[in-house]
Amino acid sequence: MPQMCSLCGRKPVIGNMIVQRGKAKRDGGVGKKTTGVTRRFFRPNLQRVRSLVDGKPIRAWVCTRCIRAGKVTKPPRKWKANV
């Protein structure tokens, strides 16, 4: 699965997970101490959707922010008439 939105280009961002111990000074403690820092990924919420591109339906990986913002135009549904 690609890790990037095909519309806006949103991709994973690297950050830190910080582990702390102790009690905050505002709560009456002596302050928080950092005991560990490890790397982590913030990944976009990608969904595989059918969308119209140049009048043709294709499947693309799109983030949910683009779907909710209405940037994806979905093709019309096919239906059968009961005749």
PDB file of N, CA and C in Angstrom:
ATOM      1  N   MET A   1       0.840  -1.178   0.000  1.00  0.00           N
ATOM      2  CA  MET A   1       0.000   0.000   0.000  1.00  0.00           C
ATOM      3  C   MET A   1       0.883   1.239   0.000  1.00  0.00           C
ATOM      4  N   PRO A   2       0.629   2.180  -0.886  1.00  0.00           N
ATOM      5  CA  PRO A   2       1.417   3.403  -0.847  1.00  0.00           C
ATOM      6  C   PRO A   2       1.089   4.197   0.413  1.00  0.00           C
ATOM      7  N   GLN A   3       2.054   4.911   0.898  1.00  0.00           N
ATOM      8  CA  GLN A   3       1.877   5.659   2.137  1.00  0.00           C
ATOM      9  C   GLN A   3       1.593   7.128   1.859  1.00  0.00           C
ATOM     10  N   MET A   4       0.993   7.432   0.685  1.00  0.00           N
ATOM     11  CA  MET A   4       0.785   8.817   0.323  1.00  0.00           C
ATOM     12  C   MET A   4      -0.585   9.011  -0.317  1.00  0.00           C
ATOM     13  N   CYS A   5      -1.247  10.112   0.017  1.00  0.00           N
ATOM     14  CA  CYS A   5      -2.539  10.441  -0.579  1.00  0.00           C
ATOM     15  C   CYS A   5      -2.319  10.878  -2.021  1.00  0.00           C
ATOM     16  N   SER A   6      -3.118  10.346  -2.944  1.00  0.00           N
ATOM     17  CA  SER A   6      -2.933  10.669  -4.358  1.00  0.00           C
ATOM     18  C   SER A   6      -3.480  12.049  -4.712  1.00  0.00           C
ATOM     19  N   LEU A   7      -4.278  12.670  -3.831  1.00  0.00           N
ATOM     20  CA  LEU A   7      -4.813  14.001  -4.124  1.00  0.00           C
ATOM     21  C   LEU A   7      -3.975  15.122  -3.505  1.00  0.00           C
ATOM     22  N   CYS A   8      -3.744  15.041  -2.201  1.00  0.00           N
ATOM     23  CA  CYS A   8      -3.062  16.145  -1.522  1.00  0.00           C
ATOM     24  C   CYS A   8      -1.591  15.856  -1.256  1.00  0.00           C
ATOM     25  N   GLY A   9      -1.164  14.600  -1.408  1.00  0.00           N
ATOM     26  CA  GLY A   9       0.238  14.274  -1.188  1.00  0.00           C
ATOM     27  C   GLY A   9       0.613  14.084   0.266  1.00  0.00           C
ATOM     28  N   ARG A  10      -0.381  13.945   1.127  1.00  0.00           N
ATOM     29  CA  ARG A  10      -0.092  13.753   2.552  1.00  0.00           C
ATOM     30  C   ARG A  10       0.625  12.422   2.745  1.00  0.00           C
ATOM     31  N   LYS A  11       1.702  12.416   3.537  1.00  0.00           N
ATOM     32  CA  LYS A  11       2.489  11.211   3.747  1.00  0.00           C
ATOM     33  C   LYS A  11       2.910  11.115   5.215  1.00  0.00           C
ATOM     34  N   PRO A  12       3.503   9.997   5.628  1.00  0.00           N
ATOM     35  CA  PRO A  12       3.875   9.843   7.036  1.00  0.00           C
ATOM     36  C   PRO A  12       4.878  10.905   7.484  1.00  0.00           C
ATOM     37  N   VAL A  13       4.718  11.310   8.740  1.00  0.00           N
ATOM     38  CA  VAL A  13       5.611  12.280   9.361  1.00  0.00           C
ATOM     39  C   VAL A  13       6.251  11.601  10.557  1.00  0.00           C
ATOM     40  N   ILE A  14       7.538  11.854  10.775  1.00  0.00           N
ATOM     41  CA  ILE A  14       8.247  11.231  11.883  1.00  0.00           C
ATOM     42  C   ILE A  14       8.231  12.176  13.080  1.00  0.00           C
ATOM     43  N   GLY A  15       7.966  11.601  14.259  1.00  0.00           N
ATOM     44  CA  GLY A  15       7.961  12.376  15.494  1.00  0.00           C
ATOM     45  C   GLY A  15       8.588  11.573  16.618  1.00  0.00           C
ATOM     46  N   ASN A  16       8.392  12.013  17.834  1.00  0.00           N
ATOM     47  CA  ASN A  16       8.969  11.354  19.002  1.00  0.00           C
ATOM     48  C   ASN A  16       7.883  10.907  19.970  1.00  0.00           C
ATOM     49  N   MET A  17       8.130   9.779  20.640  1.00  0.00           N
ATOM     50  CA  MET A  17       7.333   9.351  21.779  1.00  0.00           C
ATOM     51  C   MET A  17       8.189   9.613  23.006  1.00  0.00           C
ATOM     52  N   ILE A  18       7.740  10.482  23.903  1.00  0.00           N
ATOM     53  CA  ILE A  18       8.524  10.867  25.070  1.00  0.00           C
ATOM     54  C   ILE A  18       7.913  10.226  26.303  1.00  0.00           C
ATOM     55  N   VAL A  19       8.723   9.473  27.050  1.00  0.00           N
ATOM     56  CA  VAL A  19       8.286   8.828  28.283  1.00  0.00           C
ATOM     57  C   VAL A  19       8.822   9.647  29.440  1.00  0.00           C
ATOM     58  N   GLN A  20       7.918  10.041  30.349  1.00  0.00           N
ATOM     59  CA  GLN A  20       8.328  10.866  31.483  1.00  0.00           C
ATOM     60  C   GLN A  20       7.876  10.239  32.787  1.00  0.00           C
ATOM     61  N   ARG A  21       8.587  10.561  33.855  1.00  0.00           N
ATOM     62  CA  ARG A  21       8.197  10.108  35.187  1.00  0.00           C
ATOM     63  C   ARG A  21       8.208  11.311  36.111  1.00  0.00           C
ATOM     64  N   GLY A  22       7.568  11.142  37.245  1.00  0.00           N
ATOM     65  CA  GLY A  22       7.541  12.221  38.232  1.00  0.00           C
ATOM     66  C   GLY A  22       6.225  12.975  38.188  1.00  0.00           C
ATOM     67  N   LYS A  23       6.131  13.953  39.065  1.00  0.00           N
ATOM     68  CA  LYS A  23       4.918  14.747  39.211  1.00  0.00           C
ATOM     69  C   LYS A  23       5.213  16.178  38.780  1.00  0.00           C
ATOM     70  N   ALA A  24       4.289  16.774  38.033  1.00  0.00           N
ATOM     71  CA  ALA A  24       4.484  18.130  37.533  1.00  0.00           C
ATOM     72  C   ALA A  24       4.576  19.121  38.682  1.00  0.00           C
ATOM     73  N   LYS A  25       5.338  20.199  38.483  1.00  0.00           N
ATOM     74  CA  LYS A  25       5.503  21.214  39.528  1.00  0.00           C
ATOM     75  C   LYS A  25       4.182  21.872  39.893  1.00  0.00           C
ATOM     76  N   ARG A  26       3.327  22.070  38.903  1.00  0.00           N
ATOM     77  CA  ARG A  26       2.042  22.715  39.191  1.00  0.00           C
ATOM     78  C   ARG A  26       1.154  21.858  40.082  1.00  0.00           C
ATOM     79  N   ASP A  27       1.444  20.533  40.121  1.00  0.00           N
ATOM     80  CA  ASP A  27       0.678  19.625  40.971  1.00  0.00           C
ATOM     81  C   ASP A  27       1.365  19.376  42.313  1.00  0.00           C
ATOM     82  N   GLY A  28       2.432  20.128  42.603  1.00  0.00           N
ATOM     83  CA  GLY A  28       3.109  19.986  43.880  1.00  0.00           C
ATOM     84  C   GLY A  28       4.317  19.075  43.852  1.00  0.00           C
ATOM     85  N   GLY A  29       4.744  18.649  42.667  1.00  0.00           N
ATOM     86  CA  GLY A  29       5.908  17.773  42.570  1.00  0.00           C
ATOM     87  C   GLY A  29       7.187  18.557  42.326  1.00  0.00           C
ATOM     88  N   VAL A  30       8.271  17.830  42.070  1.00  0.00           N
ATOM     89  CA  VAL A  30       9.563  18.477  41.818  1.00  0.00           C
ATOM     90  C   VAL A  30       9.828  18.637  40.324  1.00  0.00           C
ATOM     91  N   GLY A  31       8.913  18.180  39.468  1.00  0.00           N
ATOM     92  CA  GLY A  31       9.059  18.344  38.020  1.00  0.00           C
ATOM     93  C   GLY A  31       9.150  17.007  37.317  1.00  0.00           C
ATOM     94  N   LYS A  32       8.787  17.004  36.060  1.00  0.00           N
ATOM     95  CA  LYS A  32       8.817  15.774  35.263  1.00  0.00           C
ATOM     96  C   LYS A  32      10.235  15.542  34.750  1.00  0.00           C
ATOM     97  N   LYS A  33      10.621  14.279  34.700  1.00  0.00           N
ATOM     98  CA  LYS A  33      11.928  13.892  34.177  1.00  0.00           C
ATOM     99  C   LYS A  33      11.705  13.004  32.957  1.00  0.00           C
ATOM    100  N   THR A  34      12.427  13.265  31.879  1.00  0.00           N
ATOM    101  CA  THR A  34      12.338  12.449  30.668  1.00  0.00           C
ATOM    102  C   THR A  34      13.211  11.216  30.846  1.00  0.00           C
ATOM    103  N   THR A  35      12.605  10.029  30.665  1.00  0.00           N
ATOM    104  CA  THR A  35      13.353   8.790  30.834  1.00  0.00           C
ATOM    105  C   THR A  35      13.602   8.068  29.517  1.00  0.00           C
ATOM    106  N   GLY A  36      12.949   8.476  28.452  1.00  0.00           N
ATOM    107  CA  GLY A  36      13.163   7.810  27.169  1.00  0.00           C
ATOM    108  C   GLY A  36      12.528   8.569  26.031  1.00  0.00           C
ATOM    109  N   VAL A  37      13.214   8.554  24.878  1.00  0.00           N
ATOM    110  CA  VAL A  37      12.689   9.171  23.663  1.00  0.00           C
ATOM    111  C   VAL A  37      12.877   8.167  22.532  1.00  0.00           C
ATOM    112  N   THR A  38      11.780   7.774  21.876  1.00  0.00           N
ATOM    113  CA  THR A  38      11.866   6.862  20.740  1.00  0.00           C
ATOM    114  C   THR A  38      11.138   7.483  19.555  1.00  0.00           C
ATOM    115  N   ARG A  39      11.553   7.109  18.356  1.00  0.00           N
ATOM    116  CA  ARG A  39      10.948   7.642  17.140  1.00  0.00           C
ATOM    117  C   ARG A  39       9.637   6.918  16.850  1.00  0.00           C
ATOM    118  N   ARG A  40       8.706   7.623  16.229  1.00  0.00           N
ATOM    119  CA  ARG A  40       7.445   7.029  15.822  1.00  0.00           C
ATOM    120  C   ARG A  40       6.961   7.704  14.551  1.00  0.00           C
ATOM    121  N   PHE A  41       5.962   7.070  13.899  1.00  0.00           N
ATOM    122  CA  PHE A  41       5.390   7.594  12.665  1.00  0.00           C
ATOM    123  C   PHE A  41       3.963   8.067  12.915  1.00  0.00           C
ATOM    124  N   PHE A  42       3.613   9.192  12.335  1.00  0.00           N
ATOM    125  CA  PHE A  42       2.233   9.643  12.270  1.00  0.00           C
ATOM    126  C   PHE A  42       1.788   9.382  10.839  1.00  0.00           C
ATOM    127  N   ARG A  43       0.956   8.367  10.640  1.00  0.00           N
ATOM    128  CA  ARG A  43       0.567   7.960   9.286  1.00  0.00           C
ATOM    129  C   ARG A  43      -0.815   8.521   8.933  1.00  0.00           C
ATOM    130  N   PRO A  44      -1.016   8.930   7.672  1.00  0.00           N
ATOM    131  CA  PRO A  44      -2.335   9.412   7.267  1.00  0.00           C
ATOM    132  C   PRO A  44      -3.320   8.246   7.175  1.00  0.00           C
ATOM    133  N   ASN A  45      -4.587   8.547   7.396  1.00  0.00           N
ATOM    134  CA  ASN A  45      -5.638   7.532   7.320  1.00  0.00           C
ATOM    135  C   ASN A  45      -6.057   7.405   5.857  1.00  0.00           C
ATOM    136  N   LEU A  46      -5.446   6.451   5.153  1.00  0.00           N
ATOM    137  CA  LEU A  46      -5.696   6.281   3.724  1.00  0.00           C
ATOM    138  C   LEU A  46      -6.766   5.228   3.479  1.00  0.00           C
ATOM    139  N   GLN A  47      -7.637   5.510   2.525  1.00  0.00           N
ATOM    140  CA  GLN A  47      -8.699   4.594   2.124  1.00  0.00           C
ATOM    141  C   GLN A  47      -8.621   4.411   0.608  1.00  0.00           C
ATOM    142  N   ARG A  48      -8.940   3.213   0.149  1.00  0.00           N
ATOM    143  CA  ARG A  48      -8.941   2.950  -1.296  1.00  0.00           C
ATOM    144  C   ARG A  48     -10.344   3.224  -1.817  1.00  0.00           C
ATOM    145  N   VAL A  49     -10.481   4.222  -2.673  1.00  0.00           N
ATOM    146  CA  VAL A  49     -11.795   4.617  -3.179  1.00  0.00           C
ATOM    147  C   VAL A  49     -11.764   4.680  -4.709  1.00  0.00           C
ATOM    148  N   ARG A  50     -12.949   4.516  -5.299  1.00  0.00           N
ATOM    149  CA  ARG A  50     -13.093   4.704  -6.739  1.00  0.00           C
ATOM    150  C   ARG A  50     -13.434   6.173  -6.973  1.00  0.00           C
ATOM    151  N   SER A  51     -12.695   6.818  -7.868  1.00  0.00           N
ATOM    152  CA  SER A  51     -12.946   8.223  -8.148  1.00  0.00           C
ATOM    153  C   SER A  51     -12.841   8.464  -9.651  1.00  0.00           C
ATOM    154  N   LEU A  52     -13.456   9.549 -10.081  1.00  0.00           N
ATOM    155  CA  LEU A  52     -13.415   9.912 -11.490  1.00  0.00           C
ATOM    156  C   LEU A  52     -12.208  10.812 -11.748  1.00  0.00           C
ATOM    157  N   VAL A  53     -11.328  10.372 -12.668  1.00  0.00           N
ATOM    158  CA  VAL A  53     -10.188  11.177 -13.086  1.00  0.00           C
ATOM    159  C   VAL A  53     -10.223  11.229 -14.608  1.00  0.00           C
ATOM    160  N   ASP A  54     -10.372  12.424 -15.147  1.00  0.00           N
ATOM    161  CA  ASP A  54     -10.499  12.629 -16.595  1.00  0.00           C
ATOM    162  C   ASP A  54     -11.661  11.828 -17.178  1.00  0.00           C
ATOM    163  N   GLY A  55     -12.753  11.706 -16.437  1.00  0.00           N
ATOM    164  CA  GLY A  55     -13.944  11.020 -16.908  1.00  0.00           C
ATOM    165  C   GLY A  55     -13.916   9.516 -16.802  1.00  0.00           C
ATOM    166  N   LYS A  56     -12.820   8.942 -16.271  1.00  0.00           N
ATOM    167  CA  LYS A  56     -12.721   7.496 -16.134  1.00  0.00           C
ATOM    168  C   LYS A  56     -12.607   7.123 -14.659  1.00  0.00           C
ATOM    169  N   PRO A  57     -13.335   6.091 -14.235  1.00  0.00           N
ATOM    170  CA  PRO A  57     -13.221   5.678 -12.831  1.00  0.00           C
ATOM    171  C   PRO A  57     -11.918   4.910 -12.582  1.00  0.00           C
ATOM    172  N   ILE A  58     -11.187   5.331 -11.565  1.00  0.00           N
ATOM    173  CA  ILE A  58      -9.970   4.623 -11.166  1.00  0.00           C
ATOM    174  C   ILE A  58     -10.011   4.408  -9.659  1.00  0.00           C
ATOM    175  N   ARG A  59      -9.215   3.448  -9.188  1.00  0.00           N
ATOM    176  CA  ARG A  59      -9.079   3.234  -7.749  1.00  0.00           C
ATOM    177  C   ARG A  59      -7.835   3.975  -7.284  1.00  0.00           C
ATOM    178  N   ALA A  60      -7.967   4.710  -6.187  1.00  0.00           N
ATOM    179  CA  ALA A  60      -6.836   5.500  -5.697  1.00  0.00           C
ATOM    180  C   ALA A  60      -6.828   5.476  -4.179  1.00  0.00           C
ATOM    181  N   TRP A  61      -5.637   5.645  -3.601  1.00  0.00           N
ATOM    182  CA  TRP A  61      -5.487   5.779  -2.154  1.00  0.00           C
ATOM    183  C   TRP A  61      -5.648   7.247  -1.808  1.00  0.00           C
ATOM    184  N   VAL A  62      -6.693   7.557  -1.016  1.00  0.00           N
ATOM    185  CA  VAL A  62      -7.013   8.940  -0.675  1.00  0.00           C
ATOM    186  C   VAL A  62      -7.168   9.037   0.834  1.00  0.00           C
ATOM    187  N   CYS A  63      -6.674  10.127   1.418  1.00  0.00           N
ATOM    188  CA  CYS A  63      -6.811  10.292   2.868  1.00  0.00           C
ATOM    189  C   CYS A  63      -8.247  10.716   3.196  1.00  0.00           C
ATOM    190  N   THR A  64      -8.657  10.433   4.418  1.00  0.00           N
ATOM    191  CA  THR A  64     -10.036  10.706   4.822  1.00  0.00           C
ATOM    192  C   THR A  64     -10.326  12.198   4.879  1.00  0.00           C
ATOM    193  N   ARG A  65      -9.322  13.026   5.056  1.00  0.00           N
ATOM    194  CA  ARG A  65      -9.558  14.473   5.043  1.00  0.00           C
ATOM    195  C   ARG A  65     -10.017  14.929   3.655  1.00  0.00           C
ATOM    196  N   CYS A  66      -9.434  14.357   2.607  1.00  0.00           N
ATOM    197  CA  CYS A  66      -9.841  14.713   1.241  1.00  0.00           C
ATOM    198  C   CYS A  66     -11.234  14.185   0.939  1.00  0.00           C
ATOM    199  N   ILE A  67     -11.549  12.993   1.442  1.00  0.00           N
ATOM    200  CA  ILE A  67     -12.877  12.425   1.210  1.00  0.00           C
ATOM    201  C   ILE A  67     -13.935  13.289   1.879  1.00  0.00           C
ATOM    202  N   ARG A  68     -13.683  13.690   3.133  1.00  0.00           N
ATOM    203  CA  ARG A  68     -14.654  14.501   3.868  1.00  0.00           C
ATOM    204  C   ARG A  68     -14.772  15.907   3.308  1.00  0.00           C
ATOM    205  N   ALA A  69     -13.681  16.418   2.722  1.00  0.00           N
ATOM    206  CA  ALA A  69     -13.705  17.770   2.157  1.00  0.00           C
ATOM    207  C   ALA A  69     -14.390  17.803   0.795  1.00  0.00           C
ATOM    208  N   GLY A  70     -14.719  16.628   0.225  1.00  0.00           N
ATOM    209  CA  GLY A  70     -15.405  16.581  -1.061  1.00  0.00           C
ATOM    210  C   GLY A  70     -14.486  16.707  -2.251  1.00  0.00           C
ATOM    211  N   LYS A  71     -13.190  16.431  -2.076  1.00  0.00           N
ATOM    212  CA  LYS A  71     -12.244  16.522  -3.188  1.00  0.00           C
ATOM    213  C   LYS A  71     -12.320  15.314  -4.108  1.00  0.00           C
ATOM    214  N   VAL A  72     -13.007  14.256  -3.660  1.00  0.00           N
ATOM    215  CA  VAL A  72     -13.147  13.039  -4.459  1.00  0.00           C
ATOM    216  C   VAL A  72     -14.509  13.053  -5.135  1.00  0.00           C
ATOM    217  N   THR A  73     -14.526  12.917  -6.469  1.00  0.00           N
ATOM    218  CA  THR A  73     -15.793  12.794  -7.185  1.00  0.00           C
ATOM    219  C   THR A  73     -15.971  11.319  -7.524  1.00  0.00           C
ATOM    220  N   LYS A  74     -16.987  10.715  -6.951  1.00  0.00           N
ATOM    221  CA  LYS A  74     -17.217   9.289  -7.144  1.00  0.00           C
ATOM    222  C   LYS A  74     -18.027   9.058  -8.410  1.00  0.00           C
ATOM    223  N   PRO A  75     -17.765   7.958  -9.107  1.00  0.00           N
ATOM    224  CA  PRO A  75     -18.525   7.666 -10.325  1.00  0.00           C
ATOM    225  C   PRO A  75     -19.963   7.281  -9.977  1.00  0.00           C
ATOM    226  N   PRO A  76     -20.909   7.473 -10.921  1.00  0.00           N
ATOM    227  CA  PRO A  76     -22.290   7.105 -10.635  1.00  0.00           C
ATOM    228  C   PRO A  76     -22.433   5.597 -10.493  1.00  0.00           C
ATOM    229  N   ARG A  77     -23.362   5.203  -9.628  1.00  0.00           N
ATOM    230  CA  ARG A  77     -23.596   3.767  -9.399  1.00  0.00           C
ATOM    231  C   ARG A  77     -24.385   3.171 -10.556  1.00  0.00           C
ATOM    232  N   LYS A  78     -24.076   1.934 -10.897  1.00  0.00           N
ATOM    233  CA  LYS A  78     -24.843   1.225 -11.902  1.00  0.00           C
ATOM    234  C   LYS A  78     -26.029   0.555 -11.220  1.00  0.00           C
ATOM    235  N   TRP A  79     -27.180   0.590 -11.839  1.00  0.00           N
ATOM    236  CA  TRP A  79     -28.342  -0.064 -11.255  1.00  0.00           C
ATOM    237  C   TRP A  79     -29.139  -0.729 -12.360  1.00  0.00           C
ATOM    238  N   LYS A  80     -29.872  -1.751 -11.968  1.00  0.00           N
ATOM    239  CA  LYS A  80     -30.697  -2.501 -12.928  1.00  0.00           C
ATOM    240  C   LYS A  80     -32.152  -2.228 -12.612  1.00  0.00           C
ATOM    241  N   ALA A  81     -32.905  -2.027 -13.660  1.00  0.00           N
ATOM    242  CA  ALA A  81     -34.348  -1.847 -13.483  1.00  0.00           C
ATOM    243  C   ALA A  81     -35.004  -3.229 -13.516  1.00  0.00           C
ATOM    244  N   ASN A  82     -35.941  -3.440 -12.628  1.00  0.00           N
ATOM    245  CA  ASN A  82     -36.674  -4.717 -12.599  1.00  0.00           C
ATOM    246  C   ASN A  82     -37.742  -4.695 -13.695  1.00  0.00           C
ATOM    247  N   VAL A  83     -37.443  -5.301 -14.816  1.00  0.00           N
ATOM    248  CA  VAL A  83     -38.372  -5.292 -15.940  1.00  0.00           C
ATOM    249  C   VAL A  83     -38.851  -6.687 -16.207  1.00  0.00           C
TER     250      VAL A  83
END
